[in-house]
Amino acid sequence: MIKKAVAILLTLLILSLTGGNAVIAGDIVGIVKAVGREEAQEDLEQGRYESRKYKFLERLNYDQLQDFIVYIDQTMDVVRPPAKPVQIVIQKNGTFTPHVLPVLVGTTVEWPNKDEIYHNVFSMSEAKSFDLGLYKSDQTKRVTFDKAGRVDVFCSIHTKMNCIILVLNNHYFAVPDKKRFYRISNVPAGTYTLKAWHERLPAQSKQVTVPETGEVQIDFVLSITGLPKY
């Protein structure tokens, strides 16, 4: 009872000092990782990948997967303009960098070509279709993403040039670091749907209740699950 009373008094004090505009918010933190199917290890353990027929096949290493995105998957009461209204995806050495870019609706992405050869940037995605044409080095073109959704982007010339713009409805999202740790800061206290996404795996959603202060930990393990069986 005493702790509750102290918490109430502290809240009232903060509100009085900030003119009643203080936001009671906490952080969402966690680890995101992926796992493959155990049966697939059998071929590796039995040496089948050492044969001339399969030795050049590149196996997916789930322990080294990057480019996860964690975000609150719902409309928020308050929508802020993009903190970075302009983002950049560079075309260099025949590669889009970064490969995955999460942005808030309304963000403009610039596409500079840093190679001395022609590249092209286009998408057929429902969330945003466009074609920036062919252009060489020292030229930059741009696209504004005004609808939420996944936008797959390609170069019409080079087979391995592709990237993804994940356009989100709110700014509560995070890209996990190399150790796959993420933090979404200053989330208003309440209950939300939190989603972990990766381009090669089914997304996973969990319910999270954010405290008024401090943090809550939500971990994810993505795998090939939840899909229809045939």
Protein backbone atom coordinates (compact mmCIF):
# COMPACT_ATOMS: atom_id res chain seq x y z
CA MET A 1 0.00 0.00 0.00
CA ILE A 2 2.85 2.38 0.89
CA LYS A 3 4.66 1.61 -2.40
CA LYS A 4 1.48 2.29 -4.36
CA ALA A 5 0.97 5.61 -2.59
CA VAL A 6 4.58 6.62 -3.28
CA ALA A 7 4.16 5.73 -6.96
CA ILE A 8 1.02 7.85 -7.19
CA LEU A 9 2.73 10.81 -5.50
CA LEU A 10 5.71 10.53 -7.87
CA THR A 11 3.40 10.46 -10.86
CA LEU A 12 1.55 13.54 -9.65
CA LEU A 13 4.87 15.30 -9.05
CA ILE A 14 6.07 14.56 -12.59
CA LEU A 15 2.79 15.76 -14.04
CA SER A 16 2.98 18.99 -12.07
CA LEU A 17 6.56 19.63 -13.18
CA THR A 18 5.76 18.98 -16.84
CA GLY A 19 2.46 20.76 -17.03
CA GLY A 20 0.51 17.52 -17.20
CA ASN A 21 2.15 16.40 -20.44
CA ALA A 22 4.36 13.61 -19.10
CA VAL A 23 4.13 10.29 -20.91
CA ILE A 24 4.21 7.18 -18.73
CA ALA A 25 6.25 4.77 -20.77
CA GLY A 26 8.52 1.76 -20.59
CA ASP A 27 10.86 -0.18 -22.86
CA ILE A 28 10.42 -3.49 -24.67
CA VAL A 29 13.59 -5.55 -24.89
CA GLY A 30 14.48 -9.07 -25.93
CA ILE A 31 16.39 -11.51 -28.09
CA VAL A 32 15.33 -12.70 -31.54
CA LYS A 33 16.76 -15.84 -33.08
CA ALA A 34 15.89 -18.49 -35.65
CA VAL A 35 16.18 -22.28 -35.71
CA GLY A 36 16.10 -24.74 -38.58
CA ARG A 37 14.63 -28.21 -38.72
CA GLU A 38 16.70 -30.89 -37.00
CA GLU A 39 16.13 -33.40 -39.78
CA ALA A 40 18.16 -31.24 -42.15
CA GLN A 41 21.29 -31.91 -40.09
CA GLU A 42 21.20 -35.57 -41.07
CA ASP A 43 22.55 -34.93 -44.57
CA LEU A 44 25.36 -32.80 -43.16
CA GLU A 45 26.34 -35.33 -40.50
CA GLN A 46 26.37 -38.16 -43.02
CA GLY A 47 28.72 -36.26 -45.31
CA ARG A 48 26.37 -35.90 -48.27
CA TYR A 49 27.43 -32.28 -48.78
CA GLU A 50 31.00 -33.40 -49.35
CA SER A 51 30.11 -34.97 -52.69
CA ARG A 52 30.87 -33.13 -55.94
CA LYS A 53 27.14 -32.98 -56.65
CA TYR A 54 26.21 -30.96 -53.55
CA LYS A 55 29.45 -29.37 -52.27
CA PHE A 56 28.66 -26.00 -53.87
CA LEU A 57 25.18 -25.73 -52.39
CA GLU A 58 25.09 -22.95 -49.80
CA ARG A 59 23.31 -24.04 -46.64
CA LEU A 60 21.36 -21.54 -44.58
CA ASN A 61 23.01 -20.93 -41.20
CA TYR A 62 20.17 -20.05 -38.85
CA ASP A 63 22.60 -19.06 -36.09
CA GLN A 64 23.96 -16.27 -38.28
CA LEU A 65 20.72 -14.84 -39.64
CA GLN A 66 20.45 -11.07 -39.39
CA ASP A 67 17.95 -8.46 -40.65
CA PHE A 68 15.23 -9.23 -38.13
CA ILE A 69 12.68 -6.48 -37.43
CA VAL A 70 10.59 -6.24 -34.24
CA TYR A 71 7.67 -3.83 -34.18
CA ILE A 72 4.32 -3.04 -32.57
CA ASP A 73 1.78 -4.29 -35.07
CA GLN A 74 -1.18 -1.99 -34.54
CA THR A 75 -2.30 1.58 -34.93
CA MET A 76 -1.20 3.87 -32.11
CA ASP A 77 -3.14 6.79 -30.64
CA VAL A 78 -0.30 9.17 -31.40
CA VAL A 79 1.50 9.03 -34.75
CA ARG A 80 4.68 11.05 -35.02
CA PRO A 81 6.30 12.12 -38.27
CA PRO A 82 9.40 10.12 -39.26
CA ALA A 83 12.40 10.88 -37.05
CA LYS A 84 14.50 10.47 -40.20
CA PRO A 85 12.26 11.70 -43.04
CA VAL A 86 14.93 10.72 -45.59
CA GLN A 87 16.71 7.36 -45.58
CA ILE A 88 19.32 6.00 -48.00
CA VAL A 89 19.82 2.67 -49.76
CA ILE A 90 23.16 2.64 -51.59
CA GLN A 91 23.82 0.75 -54.81
CA LYS A 92 27.47 -0.29 -54.74
CA ASN A 93 29.37 -3.33 -56.04
CA GLY A 94 26.13 -4.68 -57.45
CA THR A 95 24.41 -4.72 -54.04
CA PHE A 96 21.68 -2.76 -52.27
CA THR A 97 22.81 -1.70 -48.78
CA PRO A 98 21.11 -2.15 -46.38
CA HIS A 99 19.35 -5.29 -47.55
CA VAL A 100 16.37 -4.67 -45.24
CA LEU A 101 15.26 -1.18 -44.22
CA PRO A 102 12.31 -0.55 -41.86
CA VAL A 103 10.75 2.90 -42.27
CA LEU A 104 7.74 4.81 -41.01
CA VAL A 105 4.94 5.65 -43.43
CA GLY A 106 5.78 8.93 -45.12
CA THR A 107 9.53 8.30 -45.27
CA THR A 108 11.44 9.13 -48.46
CA VAL A 109 14.22 6.75 -49.52
CA GLU A 110 17.06 7.92 -51.74
CA TRP A 111 18.79 5.44 -54.09
CA PRO A 112 22.27 6.72 -55.05
CA ASN A 113 24.22 4.65 -57.60
CA LYS A 114 27.87 4.41 -56.53
CA ASP A 115 28.89 2.08 -59.38
CA GLU A 116 30.19 3.08 -62.81
CA ILE A 117 27.63 0.88 -64.53
CA TYR A 118 23.90 1.18 -65.03
CA HIS A 119 21.55 0.03 -62.27
CA ASN A 120 17.80 0.11 -62.06
CA VAL A 121 15.49 0.33 -59.04
CA PHE A 122 11.95 -0.96 -59.38
CA SER A 123 9.18 -2.70 -57.43
CA MET A 124 5.96 -4.49 -58.29
CA SER A 125 4.76 -4.61 -54.67
CA GLU A 126 1.18 -3.74 -53.75
CA ALA A 127 2.32 -1.32 -51.06
CA LYS A 128 4.42 0.64 -53.56
CA SER A 129 5.06 0.10 -57.27
CA PHE A 130 7.65 2.21 -59.07
CA ASP A 131 10.41 2.23 -61.68
CA LEU A 132 13.31 4.66 -61.38
CA GLY A 133 14.74 3.72 -64.77
CA LEU A 134 18.41 3.20 -65.61
CA TYR A 135 21.09 5.50 -64.20
CA LYS A 136 24.82 5.45 -63.47
CA SER A 137 27.16 6.69 -60.76
CA ASP A 138 26.74 10.03 -59.01
CA GLN A 139 23.02 10.04 -59.71
CA THR A 140 20.40 9.78 -56.98
CA LYS A 141 16.68 9.14 -57.31
CA ARG A 142 14.07 8.95 -54.56
CA VAL A 143 10.74 7.38 -53.63
CA THR A 144 8.31 8.29 -50.83
CA PHE A 145 6.61 5.32 -49.16
CA ASP A 146 3.09 6.35 -48.22
CA LYS A 147 1.45 2.99 -47.48
CA ALA A 148 2.34 0.32 -44.91
CA GLY A 149 3.51 -3.05 -46.16
CA ARG A 150 6.44 -5.01 -47.54
CA VAL A 151 8.06 -3.57 -50.65
CA ASP A 152 10.40 -5.90 -52.57
CA VAL A 153 12.87 -3.93 -54.66
CA PHE A 154 14.96 -5.25 -57.57
CA CYS A 155 17.41 -4.21 -60.27
CA SER A 156 16.21 -5.22 -63.74
CA ILE A 157 19.80 -5.88 -64.88
CA HIS A 158 21.52 -7.80 -62.09
CA THR A 159 20.12 -11.08 -60.79
CA LYS A 160 21.25 -10.83 -57.15
CA MET A 161 20.33 -7.20 -56.57
CA ASN A 162 17.29 -7.08 -54.33
CA CYS A 163 16.30 -5.51 -51.03
CA ILE A 164 13.22 -4.98 -48.88
CA ILE A 165 11.64 -1.79 -47.54
CA LEU A 166 9.35 -2.67 -44.64
CA VAL A 167 6.95 0.26 -44.27
CA LEU A 168 5.40 0.46 -40.79
CA ASN A 169 2.44 2.35 -39.30
CA ASN A 170 4.22 3.62 -36.19
CA HIS A 171 7.73 4.41 -34.98
CA TYR A 172 7.84 1.69 -32.33
CA PHE A 173 10.18 -0.71 -34.08
CA ALA A 174 13.76 -1.91 -33.74
CA VAL A 175 16.48 -3.70 -35.69
CA PRO A 176 18.27 -6.20 -33.42
CA ASP A 177 22.04 -5.83 -33.14
CA LYS A 178 24.60 -8.48 -34.15
CA LYS A 179 23.87 -10.37 -30.92
CA ARG A 180 20.18 -10.22 -31.89
CA PHE A 181 19.24 -8.01 -28.95
CA TYR A 182 16.61 -5.35 -29.53
CA ARG A 183 15.13 -2.46 -27.58
CA ILE A 184 12.02 -0.40 -28.35
CA SER A 185 12.14 2.62 -26.08
CA ASN A 186 9.54 4.93 -24.56
CA VAL A 187 6.46 2.88 -25.40
CA PRO A 188 3.34 4.25 -23.66
CA ALA A 189 2.15 1.92 -20.91
CA GLY A 190 -0.46 -0.53 -22.18
CA THR A 191 -1.01 -3.84 -23.93
CA TYR A 192 0.07 -4.33 -27.54
CA THR A 193 0.68 -6.89 -30.26
CA LEU A 194 4.42 -7.24 -30.85
CA LYS A 195 5.66 -8.90 -34.03
CA ALA A 196 9.06 -10.32 -34.99
CA TRP A 197 9.70 -10.46 -38.75
CA HIS A 198 12.28 -12.00 -41.07
CA GLU A 199 12.07 -12.27 -44.83
CA ARG A 200 12.76 -16.04 -44.89
CA LEU A 201 10.56 -17.15 -42.00
CA PRO A 202 6.94 -16.87 -40.87
CA ALA A 203 6.48 -13.86 -38.59
CA GLN A 204 5.63 -14.42 -34.94
CA SER A 205 3.33 -12.26 -32.80
CA LYS A 206 3.08 -12.03 -29.02
CA GLN A 207 1.05 -9.93 -26.65
CA VAL A 208 3.09 -7.58 -24.48
CA THR A 209 2.05 -5.41 -21.56
CA VAL A 210 4.36 -2.44 -21.21
CA PRO A 211 4.87 -1.16 -17.65
CA GLU A 212 4.62 2.48 -16.61
CA THR A 213 8.36 2.49 -15.91
CA GLY A 214 11.22 0.08 -16.52
CA GLU A 215 11.22 -2.63 -19.16
CA VAL A 216 9.58 -5.86 -20.16
CA GLN A 217 11.41 -8.68 -21.96
CA ILE A 218 9.86 -10.53 -24.89
CA ASP A 219 12.01 -13.10 -26.73
CA PHE A 220 11.27 -14.68 -30.10
CA VAL A 221 12.38 -17.91 -31.79
CA LEU A 222 11.39 -17.98 -35.46
CA SER A 223 11.17 -21.20 -37.45
CA ILE A 224 9.16 -22.84 -40.24
CA THR A 225 5.99 -23.28 -38.21
CA GLY A 226 2.35 -22.30 -38.45
CA LEU A 227 2.06 -22.88 -42.21
CA PRO A 228 -0.60 -25.09 -43.86
CA LYS A 229 0.48 -28.74 -44.25
CA TYR A 230 -0.01 -30.54 -47.55
